[in-house]
Every structure is written in C-alpha cells, then in structure tokens.
Amino acid sequence: MRLASILPILLALVGCNRQPAEQRAPDPPVKADEPKGNAKVDTWPVRHEYPGFGSQLWEYCVPYQPDLHKVLAELREREFKAGRFYRSELKPKNFDEAIRNADAAGTRSIIDIEKVSPKRDIFAISPAPPENLKQLFGTEKPTHAMIENASKKMTHEFQGFLETYDRGEGVYIVIYESDRPSEIYIAGWSCH
C-alpha cells in the first residue's frame, strides 16, 4: 500500500508524464512568419572553428540568393552584430575597427573577407572549382547532407581541399535541393 502512495511522487521526480494526452498542455503553435524550409540553416554551422595549419577555419551556411555580394554583406553584418569574431570584447564600432583590433590574426571570421571574386584572391571568397566538387561529392551540385557530413567529419579529402586555400582566402559552394540552389556554404582561413 505504501508503494502505491509514493509511486506518483517517484514518477514525477524522474520526469515520467503519465497524463493522458488530452490533459497535457498543447504544443505551442508554429508561427506563420517562421521560416520552415531554411530551419536547418541556423543549426549547422553558425560559426565553426577548426584548427588547421597555424590558422583557424571558419564556416557558415546561409540561405541561397543569387547576389553573392549581398550574401557576403549580410553575413558580415550578421556576424559583426552578433559579436562572433576574435577580439569582439573590445566592442568595435565598425568593420575597420574590428579588423584593426584583431591585428595580424584577423577577426577569424567572415568579417575579414572584403569581396567576392570569380577566382581565388586574398580577402575574397570565390566559387569552388566544379572539378573539385565532382571529385569530393561525385556531383557539381552537392546537397546539404553531403556538405554537412564532409564538414562535421572533416574528412581527409575535404580538409585537403580546404587547405588548398591560403590564409585570408575563402571559398563558397552552392548547395542544391532537388536540382535547385537552396543554400550557400562559405568557408575560409583566418590570417594567422
């Protein structure tokens, strides 16, 4: 009899919910203005650092839009406002001040990147060569899962590809879903 009287207390302590579904609080409603298709964009990687060859790798995954200059400007602004860069505790007022505060190491973020270039260049992001995408993923149109898997596992091949880029350079890869561009993966190396 005593066990029957303390069982509900024990179940409550271990977090077991024995209420019938109709007595539980309803799940919160999904807001109509919340993005549904790009929900995964903010979960991997918002900003990831990987210690490589004396510098740090930074990575981002953002929703696709055809204007890469706009993508770069918006991403730089987002990361600056969020304070996700080296020496952000100094509270710089603009990009130039952030870069000066970081000194030779750079901000270790997309903030160091100033432009989009059709070919590799310092302080620029450029498209991944199609032949590299074909070699890495078997297609010139990799999916989100392919890029995320290669990044999270940091496969030898993917790391080797990223390490062909110099310090202060970045690369972007358009990610596809059902043969349509859906996201853009951007990665690069800090200056030091």
C-alpha atoms as a PDB file:
ATOM      1  CA  MET A   1       0.000   0.000   0.000  1.00  0.00           C
ATOM      2  CA  ARG A   2       2.845   2.394   0.809  1.00  0.00           C
ATOM      3  CA  LEU A   3       4.450   1.875  -2.618  1.00  0.00           C
ATOM      4  CA  ALA A   4       1.185   2.813  -4.321  1.00  0.00           C
ATOM      5  CA  SER A   5       1.075   6.085  -2.405  1.00  0.00           C
ATOM      6  CA  ILE A   6       4.661   7.111  -3.228  1.00  0.00           C
ATOM      7  CA  LEU A   7       4.713   5.854  -6.837  1.00  0.00           C
ATOM      8  CA  PRO A   8       3.187   9.075  -8.276  1.00  0.00           C
ATOM      9  CA  ILE A   9       5.808  11.117  -6.408  1.00  0.00           C
ATOM     10  CA  LEU A  10       8.654   8.925  -7.707  1.00  0.00           C
ATOM     11  CA  LEU A  11       7.339   9.143 -11.262  1.00  0.00           C
ATOM     12  CA  ALA A  12       7.134  12.935 -11.008  1.00  0.00           C
ATOM     13  CA  LEU A  13      10.718  13.095  -9.732  1.00  0.00           C
ATOM     14  CA  VAL A  14      12.101  11.077 -12.635  1.00  0.00           C
ATOM     15  CA  GLY A  15      10.109  13.077 -15.157  1.00  0.00           C
ATOM     16  CA  CYS A  16       7.664  10.411 -16.273  1.00  0.00           C
ATOM     17  CA  ASN A  17       4.482  12.015 -17.557  1.00  0.00           C
ATOM     18  CA  ARG A  18       1.534   9.699 -17.150  1.00  0.00           C
ATOM     19  CA  GLN A  19      -1.168  12.235 -18.021  1.00  0.00           C
ATOM     20  CA  PRO A  20      -3.474  11.309 -20.861  1.00  0.00           C
ATOM     21  CA  ALA A  21      -2.762  13.342 -23.984  1.00  0.00           C
ATOM     22  CA  GLU A  22      -5.974  15.360 -23.642  1.00  0.00           C
ATOM     23  CA  GLN A  23      -4.855  16.590 -20.186  1.00  0.00           C
ATOM     24  CA  ARG A  24      -1.398  17.756 -21.293  1.00  0.00           C
ATOM     25  CA  ALA A  25      -0.720  21.309 -22.364  1.00  0.00           C
ATOM     26  CA  PRO A  26      -0.936  21.649 -26.137  1.00  0.00           C
ATOM     27  CA  ASP A  27       2.229  22.102 -28.155  1.00  0.00           C
ATOM     28  CA  PRO A  28       2.963  25.749 -28.896  1.00  0.00           C
ATOM     29  CA  PRO A  29       1.590  26.822 -32.269  1.00  0.00           C
ATOM     30  CA  VAL A  30       4.027  27.288 -35.134  1.00  0.00           C
ATOM     31  CA  LYS A  31       4.269  30.953 -36.045  1.00  0.00           C
ATOM     32  CA  ALA A  32       3.227  31.696 -39.601  1.00  0.00           C
ATOM     33  CA  ASP A  33       6.193  34.012 -40.153  1.00  0.00           C
ATOM     34  CA  GLU A  34       8.841  31.488 -39.054  1.00  0.00           C
ATOM     35  CA  PRO A  35      10.897  30.059 -41.914  1.00  0.00           C
ATOM     36  CA  LYS A  36      10.217  26.400 -42.486  1.00  0.00           C
ATOM     37  CA  GLY A  37      12.421  25.377 -45.412  1.00  0.00           C
ATOM     38  CA  ASN A  38      15.576  27.011 -44.070  1.00  0.00           C
ATOM     39  CA  ALA A  39      15.225  25.919 -40.446  1.00  0.00           C
ATOM     40  CA  LYS A  40      18.351  23.783 -40.842  1.00  0.00           C
ATOM     41  CA  VAL A  41      20.408  26.767 -41.990  1.00  0.00           C
ATOM     42  CA  ASP A  42      20.921  28.141 -38.488  1.00  0.00           C
ATOM     43  CA  THR A  43      21.776  24.780 -36.943  1.00  0.00           C
ATOM     44  CA  TRP A  44      24.923  23.940 -38.903  1.00  0.00           C
ATOM     45  CA  PRO A  45      27.387  25.662 -38.762  1.00  0.00           C
ATOM     46  CA  VAL A  46      26.565  29.084 -37.450  1.00  0.00           C
ATOM     47  CA  ARG A  47      30.276  29.530 -36.918  1.00  0.00           C
ATOM     48  CA  HIS A  48      32.726  26.718 -36.525  1.00  0.00           C
ATOM     49  CA  GLU A  49      36.446  26.944 -35.979  1.00  0.00           C
ATOM     50  CA  TYR A  50      38.789  24.138 -36.905  1.00  0.00           C
ATOM     51  CA  PRO A  51      42.475  24.481 -36.028  1.00  0.00           C
ATOM     52  CA  GLY A  52      44.363  23.737 -39.190  1.00  0.00           C
ATOM     53  CA  PHE A  53      47.782  24.719 -40.366  1.00  0.00           C
ATOM     54  CA  GLY A  54      48.517  27.566 -37.935  1.00  0.00           C
ATOM     55  CA  SER A  55      45.274  29.383 -38.615  1.00  0.00           C
ATOM     56  CA  GLN A  56      41.607  28.686 -37.963  1.00  0.00           C
ATOM     57  CA  LEU A  57      38.896  27.564 -40.347  1.00  0.00           C
ATOM     58  CA  TRP A  58      35.596  29.396 -40.189  1.00  0.00           C
ATOM     59  CA  GLU A  59      32.430  28.067 -41.815  1.00  0.00           C
ATOM     60  CA  TYR A  60      28.911  29.326 -42.459  1.00  0.00           C
ATOM     61  CA  CYS A  61      25.808  28.030 -44.177  1.00  0.00           C
ATOM     62  CA  VAL A  62      23.274  30.638 -45.316  1.00  0.00           C
ATOM     63  CA  PRO A  63      20.103  30.672 -47.432  1.00  0.00           C
ATOM     64  CA  TYR A  64      20.714  30.897 -51.155  1.00  0.00           C
ATOM     65  CA  GLN A  65      20.303  34.096 -53.068  1.00  0.00           C
ATOM     66  CA  PRO A  66      21.867  34.760 -56.466  1.00  0.00           C
ATOM     67  CA  ASP A  67      23.577  38.028 -55.474  1.00  0.00           C
ATOM     68  CA  LEU A  68      26.772  36.811 -53.780  1.00  0.00           C
ATOM     69  CA  HIS A  69      27.820  40.369 -52.941  1.00  0.00           C
ATOM     70  CA  LYS A  70      24.589  40.757 -50.948  1.00  0.00           C
ATOM     71  CA  VAL A  71      25.147  37.360 -49.290  1.00  0.00           C
ATOM     72  CA  LEU A  72      28.624  38.467 -48.194  1.00  0.00           C
ATOM     73  CA  ALA A  73      27.444  41.871 -46.945  1.00  0.00           C
ATOM     74  CA  GLU A  74      24.553  40.391 -44.951  1.00  0.00           C
ATOM     75  CA  LEU A  75      26.684  37.616 -43.447  1.00  0.00           C
ATOM     76  CA  ARG A  76      29.429  40.056 -42.412  1.00  0.00           C
ATOM     77  CA  GLU A  77      26.817  42.327 -40.819  1.00  0.00           C
ATOM     78  CA  ARG A  78      25.122  39.397 -39.033  1.00  0.00           C
ATOM     79  CA  GLU A  79      28.366  38.124 -37.531  1.00  0.00           C
ATOM     80  CA  PHE A  80      29.507  41.622 -36.565  1.00  0.00           C
ATOM     81  CA  LYS A  81      26.230  42.407 -34.765  1.00  0.00           C
ATOM     82  CA  ALA A  82      26.319  39.004 -33.023  1.00  0.00           C
ATOM     83  CA  GLY A  83      29.911  39.601 -31.888  1.00  0.00           C
ATOM     84  CA  ARG A  84      31.111  36.280 -33.288  1.00  0.00           C
ATOM     85  CA  PHE A  85      34.673  37.272 -34.101  1.00  0.00           C
ATOM     86  CA  TYR A  86      38.093  37.496 -32.486  1.00  0.00           C
ATOM     87  CA  ARG A  87      38.529  40.473 -30.127  1.00  0.00           C
ATOM     88  CA  SER A  88      34.811  41.323 -30.216  1.00  0.00           C
ATOM     89  CA  GLU A  89      35.008  42.057 -26.487  1.00  0.00           C
ATOM     90  CA  LEU A  90      36.662  45.353 -27.450  1.00  0.00           C
ATOM     91  CA  LYS A  91      33.273  46.452 -28.856  1.00  0.00           C
ATOM     92  CA  PRO A  92      34.393  47.902 -32.200  1.00  0.00           C
ATOM     93  CA  LYS A  93      32.007  50.319 -33.870  1.00  0.00           C
ATOM     94  CA  ASN A  94      32.575  49.112 -37.445  1.00  0.00           C
ATOM     95  CA  PHE A  95      34.367  46.505 -39.577  1.00  0.00           C
ATOM     96  CA  ASP A  96      37.562  48.550 -39.942  1.00  0.00           C
ATOM     97  CA  GLU A  97      37.881  48.951 -36.184  1.00  0.00           C
ATOM     98  CA  ALA A  98      37.206  45.222 -35.673  1.00  0.00           C
ATOM     99  CA  ILE A  99      39.959  44.365 -38.153  1.00  0.00           C
ATOM    100  CA  ARG A 100      42.391  46.823 -36.525  1.00  0.00           C
ATOM    101  CA  ASN A 101      41.626  45.406 -33.065  1.00  0.00           C
ATOM    102  CA  ALA A 102      42.277  41.867 -34.285  1.00  0.00           C
ATOM    103  CA  ASP A 103      45.675  42.911 -35.659  1.00  0.00           C
ATOM    104  CA  ALA A 104      47.609  40.394 -37.779  1.00  0.00           C
ATOM    105  CA  ALA A 105      45.428  37.458 -36.678  1.00  0.00           C
ATOM    106  CA  GLY A 106      42.379  38.963 -38.339  1.00  0.00           C
ATOM    107  CA  THR A 107      38.890  38.572 -36.914  1.00  0.00           C
ATOM    108  CA  ARG A 108      38.958  34.814 -37.614  1.00  0.00           C
ATOM    109  CA  SER A 109      35.581  35.226 -39.298  1.00  0.00           C
ATOM    110  CA  ILE A 110      33.835  36.275 -42.489  1.00  0.00           C
ATOM    111  CA  ILE A 111      34.420  39.884 -41.424  1.00  0.00           C
ATOM    112  CA  ASP A 112      37.963  39.615 -42.836  1.00  0.00           C
ATOM    113  CA  ILE A 113      36.530  38.928 -46.299  1.00  0.00           C
ATOM    114  CA  GLU A 114      36.026  42.090 -48.336  1.00  0.00           C
ATOM    115  CA  LYS A 115      34.798  40.888 -51.718  1.00  0.00           C
ATOM    116  CA  VAL A 116      33.504  38.143 -53.974  1.00  0.00           C
ATOM    117  CA  SER A 117      35.889  37.163 -56.757  1.00  0.00           C
ATOM    118  CA  PRO A 118      35.488  34.809 -59.726  1.00  0.00           C
ATOM    119  CA  LYS A 119      38.938  33.387 -58.888  1.00  0.00           C
ATOM    120  CA  ARG A 120      40.926  32.915 -55.708  1.00  0.00           C
ATOM    121  CA  ASP A 121      42.158  36.151 -54.163  1.00  0.00           C
ATOM    122  CA  ILE A 122      43.242  37.449 -50.770  1.00  0.00           C
ATOM    123  CA  PHE A 123      40.373  38.727 -48.580  1.00  0.00           C
ATOM    124  CA  ALA A 124      37.866  37.294 -51.066  1.00  0.00           C
ATOM    125  CA  ILE A 125      35.523  34.344 -51.401  1.00  0.00           C
ATOM    126  CA  SER A 126      35.498  32.552 -54.729  1.00  0.00           C
ATOM    127  CA  PRO A 127      33.496  29.618 -56.114  1.00  0.00           C
ATOM    128  CA  ALA A 128      34.757  26.099 -55.568  1.00  0.00           C
ATOM    129  CA  PRO A 129      36.014  24.711 -58.876  1.00  0.00           C
ATOM    130  CA  PRO A 130      33.465  22.289 -60.404  1.00  0.00           C
ATOM    131  CA  GLU A 131      36.146  19.614 -60.824  1.00  0.00           C
ATOM    132  CA  ASN A 132      36.840  19.700 -57.063  1.00  0.00           C
ATOM    133  CA  LEU A 133      33.128  19.337 -56.287  1.00  0.00           C
ATOM    134  CA  LYS A 134      32.890  16.388 -58.680  1.00  0.00           C
ATOM    135  CA  GLN A 135      35.914  14.759 -57.032  1.00  0.00           C
ATOM    136  CA  LEU A 136      34.680  15.382 -53.471  1.00  0.00           C
ATOM    137  CA  PHE A 137      30.961  14.696 -53.865  1.00  0.00           C
ATOM    138  CA  GLY A 138      30.531  12.954 -57.215  1.00  0.00           C
ATOM    139  CA  THR A 139      28.476  15.906 -58.470  1.00  0.00           C
ATOM    140  CA  GLU A 140      28.777  19.603 -59.192  1.00  0.00           C
ATOM    141  CA  LYS A 141      25.524  20.104 -57.262  1.00  0.00           C
ATOM    142  CA  PRO A 142      26.159  18.807 -53.724  1.00  0.00           C
ATOM    143  CA  THR A 143      23.302  18.555 -51.242  1.00  0.00           C
ATOM    144  CA  HIS A 144      23.161  19.951 -47.728  1.00  0.00           C
ATOM    145  CA  ALA A 145      23.749  16.475 -46.283  1.00  0.00           C
ATOM    146  CA  MET A 146      26.878  15.969 -48.406  1.00  0.00           C
ATOM    147  CA  ILE A 147      28.469  19.253 -47.328  1.00  0.00           C
ATOM    148  CA  GLU A 148      27.416  18.931 -43.692  1.00  0.00           C
ATOM    149  CA  ASN A 149      28.732  15.377 -43.479  1.00  0.00           C
ATOM    150  CA  ALA A 150      32.087  16.334 -45.019  1.00  0.00           C
ATOM    151  CA  SER A 151      32.380  19.346 -42.708  1.00  0.00           C
ATOM    152  CA  LYS A 152      31.324  17.668 -39.466  1.00  0.00           C
ATOM    153  CA  LYS A 153      33.536  14.643 -40.045  1.00  0.00           C
ATOM    154  CA  MET A 154      36.248  16.864 -41.584  1.00  0.00           C
ATOM    155  CA  THR A 155      37.130  14.059 -43.931  1.00  0.00           C
ATOM    156  CA  HIS A 156      40.714  13.906 -45.145  1.00  0.00           C
ATOM    157  CA  GLU A 157      39.630  14.794 -48.678  1.00  0.00           C
ATOM    158  CA  PHE A 158      37.504  17.762 -47.588  1.00  0.00           C
ATOM    159  CA  GLN A 159      40.192  19.054 -45.232  1.00  0.00           C
ATOM    160  CA  GLY A 160      42.778  18.702 -48.003  1.00  0.00           C
ATOM    161  CA  PHE A 161      40.527  20.667 -50.374  1.00  0.00           C
ATOM    162  CA  LEU A 162      40.029  23.468 -47.820  1.00  0.00           C
ATOM    163  CA  GLU A 163      43.742  23.572 -47.071  1.00  0.00           C
ATOM    164  CA  THR A 164      44.486  24.401 -50.710  1.00  0.00           C
ATOM    165  CA  TYR A 165      43.164  27.858 -49.846  1.00  0.00           C
ATOM    166  CA  ASP A 166      45.613  30.280 -48.285  1.00  0.00           C
ATOM    167  CA  ARG A 167      45.211  32.247 -45.089  1.00  0.00           C
ATOM    168  CA  GLY A 168      42.797  35.124 -45.613  1.00  0.00           C
ATOM    169  CA  GLU A 169      41.048  33.364 -48.523  1.00  0.00           C
ATOM    170  CA  GLY A 170      37.601  31.842 -48.666  1.00  0.00           C
ATOM    171  CA  VAL A 171      35.528  29.538 -50.833  1.00  0.00           C
ATOM    172  CA  TYR A 172      31.817  29.170 -51.401  1.00  0.00           C
ATOM    173  CA  ILE A 173      29.792  26.183 -52.556  1.00  0.00           C
ATOM    174  CA  VAL A 174      26.193  26.433 -53.738  1.00  0.00           C
ATOM    175  CA  ILE A 175      24.129  23.700 -52.081  1.00  0.00           C
ATOM    176  CA  TYR A 176      21.297  22.099 -54.022  1.00  0.00           C
ATOM    177  CA  GLU A 177      17.986  20.537 -53.109  1.00  0.00           C
ATOM    178  CA  SER A 178      16.134  18.756 -55.938  1.00  0.00           C
ATOM    179  CA  ASP A 179      18.430  20.360 -58.538  1.00  0.00           C
ATOM    180  CA  ARG A 180      17.643  23.875 -57.276  1.00  0.00           C
ATOM    181  CA  PRO A 181      20.012  26.122 -55.295  1.00  0.00           C
ATOM    182  CA  SER A 182      18.913  26.217 -51.645  1.00  0.00           C
ATOM    183  CA  GLU A 183      21.886  27.352 -49.547  1.00  0.00           C
ATOM    184  CA  ILE A 184      25.455  28.550 -49.757  1.00  0.00           C
ATOM    185  CA  TYR A 185      28.308  27.065 -47.741  1.00  0.00           C
ATOM    186  CA  ILE A 186      31.145  29.530 -47.112  1.00  0.00           C
ATOM    187  CA  ALA A 187      34.460  28.639 -45.506  1.00  0.00           C
ATOM    188  CA  GLY A 188      37.882  30.190 -45.185  1.00  0.00           C
ATOM    189  CA  TRP A 189      41.008  30.504 -43.132  1.00  0.00           C
ATOM    190  CA  SER A 190      41.945  33.163 -40.617  1.00  0.00           C
ATOM    191  CA  CYS A 191      45.012  35.239 -41.380  1.00  0.00           C
ATOM    192  CA  HIS A 192      47.002  33.615 -38.530  1.00  0.00           C
END
